Amino acid sequence: MILPKGATVAVVDGEKLVMFKNTGEHEPQLSALPPPAIDAKGAGSTGHQSSAANPDNSTQAEDGYAAGVAEMLNAQALSGAFDHLLVIAAPKTLGELRKHWGKPLQAKLVGEIAKDLTGQTADQIVTAIDKA
């Protein structure tokens, strides 16, 4: 995958968000960004209480965190904080993020990688981007 210089990379799962900026010219080179504040909602897109037919509390918490990340990314897209965004997320989290993305964010999205890389180093994330 070709990642534009200056692109923001968001690496997220149901509990953690790590953000980087691509400072490389021809090859991705990731520089860590300070962690943004996330307002984790109590529930994701379902908004239901836990029962046998509904997600358990940990699933709701993960979905709520993903919704909070999407809200923060939507706000950054609107404010012009980034021109290009690559999202790397655990597959389930990526599905939840997609439900909450606004059109301005979608217009700045240069790619998605459905993989859980939140515990990986910047070099390991670059390797995953190169393989995508």
Protein backbone atom coordinates (compact mmCIF):
# COMPACT_ATOMS: atom_id res chain seq x y z
CA MET A 1 0.00 0.00 0.00
CA ILE A 2 1.24 3.46 -0.83
CA LEU A 3 0.80 5.75 2.16
CA PRO A 4 0.95 9.50 1.46
CA LYS A 5 3.48 11.53 3.41
CA GLY A 6 1.74 13.24 6.31
CA ALA A 7 -1.03 10.62 6.49
CA THR A 8 -2.40 9.77 9.90
CA VAL A 9 -2.47 6.09 10.87
CA ALA A 10 -4.96 4.99 13.53
CA VAL A 11 -4.32 1.55 15.04
CA VAL A 12 -7.28 0.47 17.17
CA ASP A 13 -8.95 -2.45 18.87
CA GLY A 14 -11.83 -2.56 21.33
CA GLU A 15 -9.75 -1.13 24.18
CA LYS A 16 -6.80 0.84 22.81
CA LEU A 17 -5.98 3.45 20.17
CA VAL A 18 -2.48 4.32 18.99
CA MET A 19 -1.96 7.02 16.37
CA PHE A 20 0.97 7.79 14.09
CA LYS A 21 1.92 10.25 11.36
CA ASN A 22 3.73 9.04 8.26
CA THR A 23 6.92 11.10 7.95
CA GLY A 24 8.48 8.97 5.21
CA GLU A 25 8.83 10.16 1.63
CA HIS A 26 8.85 6.91 -0.38
CA GLU A 27 8.54 4.32 2.37
CA PRO A 28 6.25 4.61 5.40
CA GLN A 29 8.02 5.88 8.49
CA LEU A 30 5.73 6.22 11.50
CA SER A 31 6.12 8.81 14.24
CA ALA A 32 3.91 8.35 17.31
CA LEU A 33 1.29 11.00 18.03
CA PRO A 34 0.05 11.79 21.55
CA PRO A 35 -2.93 9.65 22.52
CA PRO A 36 -6.21 11.51 21.96
CA ALA A 37 -9.00 11.57 24.52
CA ILE A 38 -11.71 9.05 23.70
CA ASP A 39 -15.24 9.34 25.06
CA ALA A 40 -16.12 5.65 25.20
CA LYS A 41 -19.85 5.29 24.94
CA GLY A 42 -21.66 2.81 27.18
CA ALA A 43 -22.82 0.79 24.19
CA GLY A 44 -22.00 0.53 20.52
CA SER A 45 -24.50 0.71 17.73
CA THR A 46 -26.91 -1.66 19.49
CA GLY A 47 -27.56 0.38 22.63
CA HIS A 48 -29.30 -2.59 24.28
CA GLN A 49 -28.85 -4.03 27.73
CA SER A 50 -27.08 -7.34 28.01
CA SER A 51 -29.17 -10.50 27.86
CA ALA A 52 -29.00 -13.92 26.25
CA ALA A 53 -29.98 -12.42 22.88
CA ASN A 54 -27.81 -9.30 23.15
CA PRO A 55 -24.05 -8.72 23.45
CA ASP A 56 -22.41 -9.14 26.83
CA ASN A 57 -21.00 -6.20 28.77
CA SER A 58 -17.45 -6.59 27.44
CA THR A 59 -18.71 -6.63 23.85
CA GLN A 60 -20.78 -3.52 24.53
CA ALA A 61 -17.75 -1.82 26.08
CA GLU A 62 -15.60 -2.64 23.03
CA ASP A 63 -18.31 -1.42 20.66
CA GLY A 64 -18.69 1.73 22.75
CA TYR A 65 -14.95 2.36 22.61
CA ALA A 66 -15.00 1.93 18.81
CA ALA A 67 -17.90 4.40 18.60
CA GLY A 68 -15.90 6.88 20.69
CA VAL A 69 -12.86 6.46 18.43
CA ALA A 70 -15.04 7.02 15.34
CA GLU A 71 -16.52 10.16 16.93
CA MET A 72 -13.04 11.53 17.64
CA LEU A 73 -11.82 10.71 14.10
CA ASN A 74 -14.94 12.31 12.61
CA ALA A 75 -14.24 15.49 14.61
CA GLN A 76 -10.60 15.52 13.48
CA ALA A 77 -11.65 15.02 9.85
CA LEU A 78 -14.03 17.98 10.10
CA SER A 79 -11.42 20.19 11.76
CA GLY A 80 -8.79 19.42 9.11
CA ALA A 81 -6.44 17.66 11.54
CA PHE A 82 -5.48 15.26 8.74
CA ASP A 83 -5.85 15.03 4.97
CA HIS A 84 -5.32 11.26 4.70
CA LEU A 85 -6.22 8.51 7.15
CA LEU A 86 -5.30 4.83 7.25
CA VAL A 87 -7.20 2.74 9.79
CA ILE A 88 -5.76 -0.53 11.05
CA ALA A 89 -8.23 -2.26 13.34
CA ALA A 90 -9.20 -5.64 14.68
CA PRO A 91 -11.84 -6.98 12.25
CA LYS A 92 -14.78 -6.69 14.69
CA THR A 93 -13.69 -3.19 15.73
CA LEU A 94 -13.32 -2.14 12.09
CA GLY A 95 -16.90 -3.22 11.44
CA GLU A 96 -18.13 -1.14 14.36
CA LEU A 97 -16.03 1.88 13.28
CA ARG A 98 -17.56 1.79 9.79
CA LYS A 99 -21.05 2.17 11.26
CA HIS A 100 -20.10 5.54 12.75
CA TRP A 101 -17.92 7.17 10.07
CA GLY A 102 -19.19 10.42 8.60
CA LYS A 103 -18.79 11.44 4.96
CA PRO A 104 -15.91 13.90 5.59
CA LEU A 105 -13.91 11.11 7.26
CA GLN A 106 -14.74 8.63 4.51
CA ALA A 107 -13.45 11.12 1.93
CA LYS A 108 -10.05 11.22 3.70
CA LEU A 109 -9.77 7.45 4.16
CA VAL A 110 -6.91 6.06 2.07
CA GLY A 111 -7.21 2.50 3.32
CA GLU A 112 -8.26 -0.01 5.92
CA ILE A 113 -6.40 -3.04 7.23
CA ALA A 114 -8.48 -5.55 9.20
CA LYS A 115 -5.81 -6.75 11.61
CA ASP A 116 -5.19 -6.34 15.34
CA LEU A 117 -1.83 -4.55 15.59
CA THR A 118 -2.34 -2.39 18.70
CA GLY A 119 0.39 -4.20 20.65
CA GLN A 120 2.92 -4.09 17.82
CA THR A 121 5.89 -1.81 17.24
CA ALA A 122 5.91 0.92 14.60
CA ASP A 123 8.23 -1.24 12.46
CA GLN A 124 5.80 -4.17 12.62
CA ILE A 125 2.93 -1.85 11.62
CA VAL A 126 5.00 -0.55 8.67
CA THR A 127 5.55 -4.16 7.57
CA ALA A 128 1.79 -4.78 7.66
CA ILE A 129 1.18 -1.60 5.62
CA ASP A 130 3.78 -2.70 3.04
CA LYS A 131 2.06 -6.09 2.70
CA ALA A 132 -1.43 -4.58 2.32
